[in-house]
PDB file of N, CA and C in Angstrom:
ATOM      1  N   UNK A   1      77.531 116.326 139.283  1.00  0.00           N
ATOM      2  CA  UNK A   1      78.451 116.843 138.276  1.00  0.00           C
ATOM      3  C   UNK A   1      79.086 115.655 137.552  1.00  0.00           C
ATOM      4  N   UNK A   2      79.112 115.691 136.256  1.00  0.00           N
ATOM      5  CA  UNK A   2      79.654 114.606 135.445  1.00  0.00           C
ATOM      6  C   UNK A   2      81.180 114.658 135.451  1.00  0.00           C
ATOM      7  N   UNK A   3      81.793 113.480 135.371  1.00  0.00           N
ATOM      8  CA  UNK A   3      83.248 113.406 135.275  1.00  0.00           C
ATOM      9  C   UNK A   3      83.682 113.932 133.914  1.00  0.00           C
ATOM     10  N   UNK A   4      84.777 114.689 133.910  1.00  0.00           N
ATOM     11  CA  UNK A   4      85.320 115.200 132.664  1.00  0.00           C
ATOM     12  C   UNK A   4      86.622 114.456 132.387  1.00  0.00           C
ATOM     13  N   UNK A   5      86.722 113.850 131.217  1.00  0.00           N
ATOM     14  CA  UNK A   5      87.920 113.117 130.817  1.00  0.00           C
ATOM     15  C   UNK A   5      88.503 113.781 129.583  1.00  0.00           C
ATOM     16  N   UNK A   6      89.801 113.680 129.436  1.00  0.00           N
ATOM     17  CA  UNK A   6      90.449 114.228 128.256  1.00  0.00           C
ATOM     18  C   UNK A   6      90.723 113.095 127.280  1.00  0.00           C
ATOM     19  N   UNK A   7      90.309 113.290 126.042  1.00  0.00           N
ATOM     20  CA  UNK A   7      90.589 112.330 124.988  1.00  0.00           C
ATOM     21  C   UNK A   7      91.750 112.895 124.189  1.00  0.00           C
ATOM     22  N   UNK A   8      92.889 112.187 124.195  1.00  0.00           N
ATOM     23  CA  UNK A   8      94.072 112.691 123.521  1.00  0.00           C
ATOM     24  C   UNK A   8      94.328 111.901 122.253  1.00  0.00           C
ATOM     25  N   UNK A   9      94.720 112.612 121.231  1.00  0.00           N
ATOM     26  CA  UNK A   9      95.097 111.988 119.965  1.00  0.00           C
ATOM     27  C   UNK A   9      96.567 111.588 120.063  1.00  0.00           C
ATOM     28  N   UNK A  10      96.895 110.402 119.590  1.00  0.00           N
ATOM     29  CA  UNK A  10      98.278 109.966 119.535  1.00  0.00           C
ATOM     30  C   UNK A  10      98.953 110.691 118.378  1.00  0.00           C
ATOM     31  N   UNK A  11     100.087 111.370 118.635  1.00  0.00           N
ATOM     32  CA  UNK A  11     100.750 112.111 117.564  1.00  0.00           C
ATOM     33  C   UNK A  11     101.388 111.174 116.547  1.00  0.00           C
ATOM     34  N   UNK A  12     101.575 111.673 115.347  1.00  0.00           N
ATOM     35  CA  UNK A  12     102.272 110.922 114.312  1.00  0.00           C
ATOM     36  C   UNK A  12     103.766 111.194 114.441  1.00  0.00           C
ATOM     37  N   UNK A  13     104.530 110.136 114.623  1.00  0.00           N
ATOM     38  CA  UNK A  13     105.985 110.250 114.728  1.00  0.00           C
ATOM     39  C   UNK A  13     106.573 109.645 113.465  1.00  0.00           C
ATOM     40  N   UNK A  14     107.288 110.461 112.698  1.00  0.00           N
ATOM     41  CA  UNK A  14     107.901 109.998 111.453  1.00  0.00           C
ATOM     42  C   UNK A  14     109.417 109.998 111.601  1.00  0.00           C
ATOM     43  N   UNK A  15     110.011 108.849 111.311  1.00  0.00           N
ATOM     44  CA  UNK A  15     111.467 108.732 111.326  1.00  0.00           C
ATOM     45  C   UNK A  15     111.920 108.498 109.893  1.00  0.00           C
ATOM     46  N   UNK A  16     112.714 109.414 109.381  1.00  0.00           N
ATOM     47  CA  UNK A  16     113.217 109.324 108.016  1.00  0.00           C
ATOM     48  C   UNK A  16     114.514 108.510 108.025  1.00  0.00           C
ATOM     49  N   UNK A  17     114.400 107.231 107.716  1.00  0.00           N
ATOM     50  CA  UNK A  17     115.538 106.306 107.790  1.00  0.00           C
ATOM     51  C   UNK A  17     116.708 106.745 106.905  1.00  0.00           C
ATOM     52  N   UNK A  18     116.414 107.357 105.767  1.00  0.00           N
ATOM     53  CA  UNK A  18     117.481 107.787 104.852  1.00  0.00           C
ATOM     54  C   UNK A  18     118.346 108.876 105.481  1.00  0.00           C
ATOM     55  N   UNK A  19     117.781 109.668 106.372  1.00  0.00           N
ATOM     56  CA  UNK A  19     118.524 110.749 107.014  1.00  0.00           C
ATOM     57  C   UNK A  19     119.154 110.317 108.335  1.00  0.00           C
ATOM     58  N   UNK A  20     118.620 109.279 108.945  1.00  0.00           N
ATOM     59  CA  UNK A  20     119.041 108.857 110.279  1.00  0.00           C
ATOM     60  C   UNK A  20     120.369 108.113 110.226  1.00  0.00           C
ATOM     61  N   UNK A  21     121.301 108.512 111.111  1.00  0.00           N
ATOM     62  CA  UNK A  21     122.587 107.814 111.179  1.00  0.00           C
ATOM     63  C   UNK A  21     122.628 106.826 112.338  1.00  0.00           C
ATOM     64  N   UNK A  22     121.527 106.718 113.092  1.00  0.00           N
ATOM     65  CA  UNK A  22     121.435 105.731 114.171  1.00  0.00           C
ATOM     66  C   UNK A  22     122.173 106.108 115.434  1.00  0.00           C
ATOM     67  N   UNK A  23     122.280 107.380 115.727  1.00  0.00           N
ATOM     68  CA  UNK A  23     123.018 107.813 116.921  1.00  0.00           C
ATOM     69  C   UNK A  23     122.271 107.497 118.221  1.00  0.00           C
ATOM     70  N   UNK A  24     120.929 107.431 118.146  1.00  0.00           N
ATOM     71  CA  UNK A  24     120.133 107.081 119.325  1.00  0.00           C
ATOM     72  C   UNK A  24     119.801 108.230 120.251  1.00  0.00           C
ATOM     73  N   UNK A  25     120.146 109.440 119.863  1.00  0.00           N
ATOM     74  CA  UNK A  25     119.868 110.596 120.717  1.00  0.00           C
ATOM     75  C   UNK A  25     118.369 110.743 120.963  1.00  0.00           C
ATOM     76  N   UNK A  26     117.567 110.539 119.926  1.00  0.00           N
ATOM     77  CA  UNK A  26     116.113 110.696 120.071  1.00  0.00           C
ATOM     78  C   UNK A  26     115.551 109.728 121.110  1.00  0.00           C
ATOM     79  N   UNK A  27     115.970 108.479 121.056  1.00  0.00           N
ATOM     80  CA  UNK A  27     115.482 107.479 122.011  1.00  0.00           C
ATOM     81  C   UNK A  27     115.991 107.776 123.412  1.00  0.00           C
ATOM     82  N   UNK A  28     117.206 108.273 123.515  1.00  0.00           N
ATOM     83  CA  UNK A  28     117.781 108.597 124.823  1.00  0.00           C
ATOM     84  C   UNK A  28     117.050 109.751 125.506  1.00  0.00           C
ATOM     85  N   UNK A  29     116.631 110.729 124.733  1.00  0.00           N
ATOM     86  CA  UNK A  29     115.963 111.891 125.302  1.00  0.00           C
ATOM     87  C   UNK A  29     114.464 111.701 125.507  1.00  0.00           C
ATOM     88  N   UNK A  30     113.882 110.636 124.972  1.00  0.00           N
ATOM     89  CA  UNK A  30     112.438 110.413 125.112  1.00  0.00           C
ATOM     90  C   UNK A  30     112.104 110.123 126.570  1.00  0.00           C
ATOM     91  N   UNK A  31     111.344 111.012 127.235  1.00  0.00           N
ATOM     92  CA  UNK A  31     111.085 110.845 128.666  1.00  0.00           C
ATOM     93  C   UNK A  31     110.091 109.731 129.000  1.00  0.00           C
ATOM     94  N   UNK A  32     109.348 109.258 128.022  1.00  0.00           N
ATOM     95  CA  UNK A  32     108.318 108.259 128.304  1.00  0.00           C
ATOM     96  C   UNK A  32     108.635 106.876 127.748  1.00  0.00           C
ATOM     97  N   UNK A  33     109.684 106.759 126.957  1.00  0.00           N
ATOM     98  CA  UNK A  33     110.021 105.473 126.367  1.00  0.00           C
ATOM     99  C   UNK A  33     109.206 105.127 125.139  1.00  0.00           C
ATOM    100  N   UNK A  34     108.632 106.125 124.501  1.00  0.00           N
ATOM    101  CA  UNK A  34     107.857 105.880 123.278  1.00  0.00           C
ATOM    102  C   UNK A  34     108.773 105.430 122.145  1.00  0.00           C
ATOM    103  N   UNK A  35     110.022 105.892 122.174  1.00  0.00           N
ATOM    104  CA  UNK A  35     111.003 105.503 121.157  1.00  0.00           C
ATOM    105  C   UNK A  35     111.982 104.500 121.748  1.00  0.00           C
ATOM    106  N   UNK A  36     112.461 103.614 120.894  1.00  0.00           N
ATOM    107  CA  UNK A  36     113.477 102.634 121.295  1.00  0.00           C
ATOM    108  C   UNK A  36     114.422 102.427 120.115  1.00  0.00           C
ATOM    109  N   UNK A  37     115.463 101.636 120.336  1.00  0.00           N
ATOM    110  CA  UNK A  37     116.422 101.333 119.274  1.00  0.00           C
ATOM    111  C   UNK A  37     116.321  99.855 118.927  1.00  0.00           C
ATOM    112  N   UNK A  38     116.392  99.576 117.625  1.00  0.00           N
ATOM    113  CA  UNK A  38     116.333  98.178 117.195  1.00  0.00           C
ATOM    114  C   UNK A  38     117.714  97.532 117.323  1.00  0.00           C
ATOM    115  N   UNK A  39     117.842  96.280 116.878  1.00  0.00           N
ATOM    116  CA  UNK A  39     119.102  95.538 117.026  1.00  0.00           C
ATOM    117  C   UNK A  39     120.258  96.149 116.250  1.00  0.00           C
ATOM    118  N   UNK A  40     119.954  96.971 115.245  1.00  0.00           N
ATOM    119  CA  UNK A  40     121.017  97.649 114.493  1.00  0.00           C
ATOM    120  C   UNK A  40     121.316  99.040 115.032  1.00  0.00           C
ATOM    121  N   UNK A  41     120.558  99.475 116.047  1.00  0.00           N
ATOM    122  CA  UNK A  41     120.801 100.775 116.667  1.00  0.00           C
ATOM    123  C   UNK A  41     119.925 101.898 116.160  1.00  0.00           C
ATOM    124  N   UNK A  42     119.102 101.616 115.154  1.00  0.00           N
ATOM    125  CA  UNK A  42     118.241 102.660 114.616  1.00  0.00           C
ATOM    126  C   UNK A  42     116.964 102.790 115.441  1.00  0.00           C
ATOM    127  N   UNK A  43     116.448 104.008 115.565  1.00  0.00           N
ATOM    128  CA  UNK A  43     115.252 104.228 116.376  1.00  0.00           C
ATOM    129  C   UNK A  43     113.989 103.736 115.682  1.00  0.00           C
ATOM    130  N   UNK A  44     113.009 103.391 116.491  1.00  0.00           N
ATOM    131  CA  UNK A  44     111.674 103.066 115.995  1.00  0.00           C
ATOM    132  C   UNK A  44     110.666 103.472 117.062  1.00  0.00           C
ATOM    133  N   UNK A  45     109.428 103.595 116.661  1.00  0.00           N
ATOM    134  CA  UNK A  45     108.368 103.986 117.584  1.00  0.00           C
ATOM    135  C   UNK A  45     107.878 102.714 118.273  1.00  0.00           C
ATOM    136  N   UNK A  46     108.258 102.559 119.518  1.00  0.00           N
ATOM    137  CA  UNK A  46     107.933 101.356 120.281  1.00  0.00           C
ATOM    138  C   UNK A  46     106.507 101.407 120.810  1.00  0.00           C
ATOM    139  N   UNK A  47     106.162 102.523 121.448  1.00  0.00           N
ATOM    140  CA  UNK A  47     104.835 102.673 122.048  1.00  0.00           C
ATOM    141  C   UNK A  47     104.309 104.080 121.769  1.00  0.00           C
ATOM    142  N   UNK A  48     103.657 104.272 120.617  1.00  0.00           N
ATOM    143  CA  UNK A  48     103.209 105.620 120.234  1.00  0.00           C
ATOM    144  C   UNK A  48     102.219 106.239 121.218  1.00  0.00           C
ATOM    145  N   UNK A  49     101.452 105.424 121.907  1.00  0.00           N
ATOM    146  CA  UNK A  49     100.472 105.960 122.863  1.00  0.00           C
ATOM    147  C   UNK A  49     101.135 106.612 124.075  1.00  0.00           C
ATOM    148  N   UNK A  50     102.413 106.333 124.294  1.00  0.00           N
ATOM    149  CA  UNK A  50     103.135 106.955 125.408  1.00  0.00           C
ATOM    150  C   UNK A  50     103.669 108.342 125.062  1.00  0.00           C
ATOM    151  N   UNK A  51     103.681 108.689 123.792  1.00  0.00           N
ATOM    152  CA  UNK A  51     104.234 109.977 123.362  1.00  0.00           C
ATOM    153  C   UNK A  51     103.404 111.123 123.928  1.00  0.00           C
ATOM    154  N   UNK A  52     104.076 112.064 124.576  1.00  0.00           N
ATOM    155  CA  UNK A  52     103.407 113.232 125.159  1.00  0.00           C
ATOM    156  C   UNK A  52     103.633 114.483 124.316  1.00  0.00           C
ATOM    157  N   UNK A  53     104.247 114.294 123.142  1.00  0.00           N
ATOM    158  CA  UNK A  53     104.469 115.390 122.208  1.00  0.00           C
ATOM    159  C   UNK A  53     105.340 116.498 122.792  1.00  0.00           C
ATOM    160  N   UNK A  54     106.342 116.098 123.557  1.00  0.00           N
ATOM    161  CA  UNK A  54     107.231 117.088 124.161  1.00  0.00           C
ATOM    162  C   UNK A  54     108.195 117.687 123.137  1.00  0.00           C
ATOM    163  N   UNK A  55     108.487 116.930 122.062  1.00  0.00           N
ATOM    164  CA  UNK A  55     109.351 117.433 121.007  1.00  0.00           C
ATOM    165  C   UNK A  55     110.837 117.251 121.239  1.00  0.00           C
ATOM    166  N   UNK A  56     111.229 116.625 122.334  1.00  0.00           N
ATOM    167  CA  UNK A  56     112.652 116.459 122.616  1.00  0.00           C
ATOM    168  C   UNK A  56     113.365 115.681 121.524  1.00  0.00           C
ATOM    169  N   UNK A  57     112.738 114.645 121.002  1.00  0.00           N
ATOM    170  CA  UNK A  57     113.384 113.847 119.950  1.00  0.00           C
ATOM    171  C   UNK A  57     113.635 114.684 118.713  1.00  0.00           C
ATOM    172  N   UNK A  58     112.656 115.463 118.339  1.00  0.00           N
ATOM    173  CA  UNK A  58     112.760 116.297 117.140  1.00  0.00           C
ATOM    174  C   UNK A  58     113.794 117.404 117.316  1.00  0.00           C
ATOM    175  N   UNK A  59     113.810 118.012 118.475  1.00  0.00           N
ATOM    176  CA  UNK A  59     114.741 119.109 118.755  1.00  0.00           C
ATOM    177  C   UNK A  59     116.182 118.617 118.812  1.00  0.00           C
ATOM    178  N   UNK A  60     116.401 117.464 119.415  1.00  0.00           N
ATOM    179  CA  UNK A  60     117.753 116.957 119.649  1.00  0.00           C
ATOM    180  C   UNK A  60     118.373 116.215 118.466  1.00  0.00           C
ATOM    181  N   UNK A  61     117.563 115.797 117.496  1.00  0.00           N
ATOM    182  CA  UNK A  61     118.094 115.033 116.367  1.00  0.00           C
ATOM    183  C   UNK A  61     119.030 115.906 115.531  1.00  0.00           C
ATOM    184  N   UNK A  62     120.317 115.527 115.446  1.00  0.00           N
ATOM    185  CA  UNK A  62     121.260 116.347 114.679  1.00  0.00           C
ATOM    186  C   UNK A  62     121.060 116.243 113.168  1.00  0.00           C
ATOM    187  N   UNK A  63     120.309 115.242 112.716  1.00  0.00           N
ATOM    188  CA  UNK A  63     120.117 115.026 111.281  1.00  0.00           C
ATOM    189  C   UNK A  63     118.721 115.425 110.800  1.00  0.00           C
ATOM    190  N   UNK A  64     117.901 115.978 111.685  1.00  0.00           N
ATOM    191  CA  UNK A  64     116.524 116.365 111.355  1.00  0.00           C
ATOM    192  C   UNK A  64     115.743 115.179 110.777  1.00  0.00           C
ATOM    193  N   UNK A  65     116.010 113.983 111.308  1.00  0.00           N
ATOM    194  CA  UNK A  65     115.445 112.755 110.771  1.00  0.00           C
ATOM    195  C   UNK A  65     114.155 112.322 111.448  1.00  0.00           C
ATOM    196  N   UNK A  66     113.679 113.085 112.398  1.00  0.00           N
ATOM    197  CA  UNK A  66     112.452 112.708 113.093  1.00  0.00           C
ATOM    198  C   UNK A  66     111.540 113.927 113.226  1.00  0.00           C
ATOM    199  N   UNK A  67     110.276 113.710 112.988  1.00  0.00           N
ATOM    200  CA  UNK A  67     109.282 114.762 113.171  1.00  0.00           C
ATOM    201  C   UNK A  67     108.116 114.203 113.975  1.00  0.00           C
ATOM    202  N   UNK A  68     107.525 115.072 114.757  1.00  0.00           N
ATOM    203  CA  UNK A  68     106.347 114.712 115.542  1.00  0.00           C
ATOM    204  C   UNK A  68     105.254 115.697 115.178  1.00  0.00           C
ATOM    205  N   UNK A  69     104.189 115.176 114.600  1.00  0.00           N
ATOM    206  CA  UNK A  69     103.068 116.040 114.224  1.00  0.00           C
ATOM    207  C   UNK A  69     102.301 116.395 115.485  1.00  0.00           C
ATOM    208  N   UNK A  70     101.975 117.671 115.600  1.00  0.00           N
ATOM    209  CA  UNK A  70     101.275 118.159 116.778  1.00  0.00           C
ATOM    210  C   UNK A  70      99.980 117.404 117.020  1.00  0.00           C
ATOM    211  N   UNK A  71      99.710 117.168 118.299  1.00  0.00           N
ATOM    212  CA  UNK A  71      98.432 116.571 118.664  1.00  0.00           C
ATOM    213  C   UNK A  71      97.345 117.588 118.389  1.00  0.00           C
ATOM    214  N   UNK A  72      96.164 117.096 118.089  1.00  0.00           N
ATOM    215  CA  UNK A  72      95.024 117.987 117.966  1.00  0.00           C
ATOM    216  C   UNK A  72      94.674 118.457 119.365  1.00  0.00           C
ATOM    217  N   UNK A  73      93.925 119.559 119.458  1.00  0.00           N
ATOM    218  CA  UNK A  73      93.511 120.042 120.770  1.00  0.00           C
ATOM    219  C   UNK A  73      92.781 118.932 121.492  1.00  0.00           C
ATOM    220  N   UNK A  74      93.086 118.804 122.777  1.00  0.00           N
ATOM    221  CA  UNK A  74      92.414 117.783 123.563  1.00  0.00           C
ATOM    222  C   UNK A  74      90.920 118.032 123.544  1.00  0.00           C
ATOM    223  N   UNK A  75      90.181 116.967 123.374  1.00  0.00           N
ATOM    224  CA  UNK A  75      88.734 117.065 123.292  1.00  0.00           C
ATOM    225  C   UNK A  75      88.159 116.612 124.621  1.00  0.00           C
ATOM    226  N   UNK A  76      87.483 117.519 125.302  1.00  0.00           N
ATOM    227  CA  UNK A  76      86.897 117.156 126.584  1.00  0.00           C
ATOM    228  C   UNK A  76      85.616 116.361 126.350  1.00  0.00           C
ATOM    229  N   UNK A  77      85.522 115.251 127.037  1.00  0.00           N
ATOM    230  CA  UNK A  77      84.350 114.398 126.904  1.00  0.00           C
ATOM    231  C   UNK A  77      83.791 114.123 128.286  1.00  0.00           C
ATOM    232  N   UNK A  78      82.494 114.267 128.441  1.00  0.00           N
ATOM    233  CA  UNK A  78      81.841 113.972 129.708  1.00  0.00           C
ATOM    234  C   UNK A  78      81.759 112.470 129.911  1.00  0.00           C
ATOM    235  N   UNK A  79      81.526 112.072 131.140  1.00  0.00           N
ATOM    236  CA  UNK A  79      81.376 110.656 131.465  1.00  0.00           C
ATOM    237  C   UNK A  79      80.240 109.995 130.710  1.00  0.00           C
ATOM    238  N   UNK A  80      79.226 110.778 130.280  1.00  0.00           N
ATOM    239  CA  UNK A  80      78.090 110.201 129.554  1.00  0.00           C
ATOM    240  C   UNK A  80      78.335 110.188 128.043  1.00  0.00           C
ATOM    241  N   UNK A  81      79.559 110.567 127.598  1.00  0.00           N
ATOM    242  CA  UNK A  81      79.910 110.503 126.186  1.00  0.00           C
ATOM    243  C   UNK A  81      79.652 111.770 125.409  1.00  0.00           C
ATOM    244  N   UNK A  82      79.034 112.788 126.028  1.00  0.00           N
ATOM    245  CA  UNK A  82      78.766 114.041 125.334  1.00  0.00           C
ATOM    246  C   UNK A  82      79.940 114.976 125.504  1.00  0.00           C
ATOM    247  N   UNK A  83      80.142 115.837 124.524  1.00  0.00           N
ATOM    248  CA  UNK A  83      81.221 116.822 124.618  1.00  0.00           C
ATOM    249  C   UNK A  83      80.887 117.863 125.666  1.00  0.00           C
ATOM    250  N   UNK A  84      81.887 118.218 126.461  1.00  0.00           N
ATOM    251  CA  UNK A  84      81.726 119.266 127.466  1.00  0.00           C
ATOM    252  C   UNK A  84      81.895 120.609 126.780  1.00  0.00           C
ATOM    253  N   UNK A  85      81.260 121.638 127.290  1.00  0.00           N
ATOM    254  CA  UNK A  85      81.403 122.968 126.720  1.00  0.00           C
ATOM    255  C   UNK A  85      82.171 123.884 127.620  1.00  0.00           C
TER     256      UNK A  85
END
């Protein structure tokens, strides 16, 4: 039986700087550390590959300044590189 691996797409995280007041709530609620705060306190995407698309940053932002585009459906790939059915 071939190994089945999941290939995940990294979601697009958009931070609208004009709307952001730099409260840091999004970075505080990020369970994986994908978001961080810069030296001025504003959030940035530190490690996008760590994002699990939980949506906590988007839900908790009081200014609606962050959006996370949904990941595409996970694509199952066999160990030999062929798509699993």
